[in-house]
Protein backbone atom coordinates (compact mmCIF):
# COMPACT_ATOMS: atom_id res chain seq x y z
CA MET A 1 -2.63 76.72 48.35
CA ARG A 2 -2.27 79.49 45.86
CA THR A 3 -0.53 78.91 42.67
CA THR A 4 -0.32 79.72 39.13
CA LEU A 5 -1.08 77.18 36.56
CA THR A 6 -0.98 77.61 32.86
CA LEU A 7 -3.88 75.45 31.25
CA ALA A 8 -4.01 73.75 27.80
CA ASP A 9 -7.08 75.22 25.67
CA ASP A 10 -9.06 71.89 26.10
CA VAL A 11 -8.46 71.95 29.78
CA ALA A 12 -9.25 75.63 29.88
CA ALA A 13 -12.37 75.13 28.41
CA ALA A 14 -13.74 72.37 30.11
CA VAL A 15 -13.18 74.21 33.47
CA GLU A 16 -14.98 77.18 32.18
CA ARG A 17 -17.66 74.83 30.88
CA LEU A 18 -17.98 73.51 34.33
CA ARG A 19 -17.77 76.71 36.04
CA ARG A 20 -20.57 78.02 33.90
CA GLU A 21 -22.89 75.01 34.38
CA ARG A 22 -22.73 75.03 38.18
CA SER A 23 -22.17 78.79 38.83
CA ILE A 24 -18.89 78.27 40.73
CA GLY A 25 -15.47 79.80 40.53
CA MET A 26 -12.57 78.90 38.54
CA SER A 27 -10.72 77.21 41.70
CA GLU A 28 -13.66 75.29 42.58
CA ALA A 29 -14.18 73.99 38.99
CA VAL A 30 -10.54 72.88 38.65
CA ASN A 31 -10.54 71.16 42.36
CA GLU A 32 -13.44 69.46 40.99
CA LEU A 33 -11.93 68.25 37.88
CA VAL A 34 -8.63 67.11 39.43
CA ARG A 35 -10.20 65.18 42.04
CA ALA A 36 -12.44 63.56 39.41
CA GLY A 37 -9.49 62.54 37.47
CA LEU A 38 -7.98 61.24 40.89
CA ALA A 39 -10.55 59.29 41.47
CA ILE A 40 -10.67 57.23 38.02
CA GLN A 41 -9.35 53.59 39.08
CA ARG A 42 -7.05 52.44 36.47
CA LYS A 43 -6.86 48.72 35.80
CA PRO A 44 -3.50 47.10 36.08
CA ALA A 45 -2.12 45.83 33.33
CA ALA A 46 -2.70 41.97 32.93
CA PRO A 47 0.60 40.13 33.29
CA PHE A 48 2.07 39.21 29.93
CA GLN A 49 1.96 35.52 28.88
CA GLN A 50 3.77 34.19 25.89
CA LYS A 51 1.55 32.52 23.27
CA SER A 52 3.15 29.60 21.54
CA HIS A 53 1.90 27.50 18.89
CA ASP A 54 2.91 24.06 17.59
CA LEU A 55 4.34 24.59 14.47
CA GLY A 56 4.86 20.78 13.51
CA ARG A 57 8.01 19.52 13.16
CA GLY A 58 10.49 20.57 15.44
CA LEU A 59 14.11 21.52 14.66
CA ASP A 60 16.99 20.60 17.05
CA PHE A 61 19.23 23.96 17.34
CA ASP A 62 22.03 22.41 18.97
CA ASN A 63 23.65 21.77 15.58
CA VAL A 64 23.14 25.14 13.11
CA ALA A 65 24.54 23.03 10.37
CA ASP A 66 22.17 20.34 10.87
CA ALA A 67 19.15 22.86 11.25
CA LEU A 68 20.32 24.88 8.31
CA GLU A 69 20.26 21.82 5.96
CA THR A 70 17.01 20.72 7.12
CA LEU A 71 15.55 24.07 6.38
CA ASP A 72 17.31 24.75 3.20
CA GLY A 73 18.37 21.28 1.91
CA PRO A 74 21.78 20.16 1.26
CA SER A 75 24.57 22.76 1.09
CA SER A 76 26.18 22.39 -2.98
CA SER A 77 29.66 22.78 -1.77
């Protein structure tokens, strides 16, 4: 397939370096670099696991007023 590409400066430099090192044409160098990139096996992300820690005294959040009183002390109203 024939196409026109605009290469970033760093990519163009890598293509030119490979082309010179191996005495190959531009198309062959681009193809080799693309194939090398496609061959990289990416590891799947590890599944997320929530970490929890025992914070000691537990709070009952069923009654918010009681939980606030436990945390802040008795209200002064």
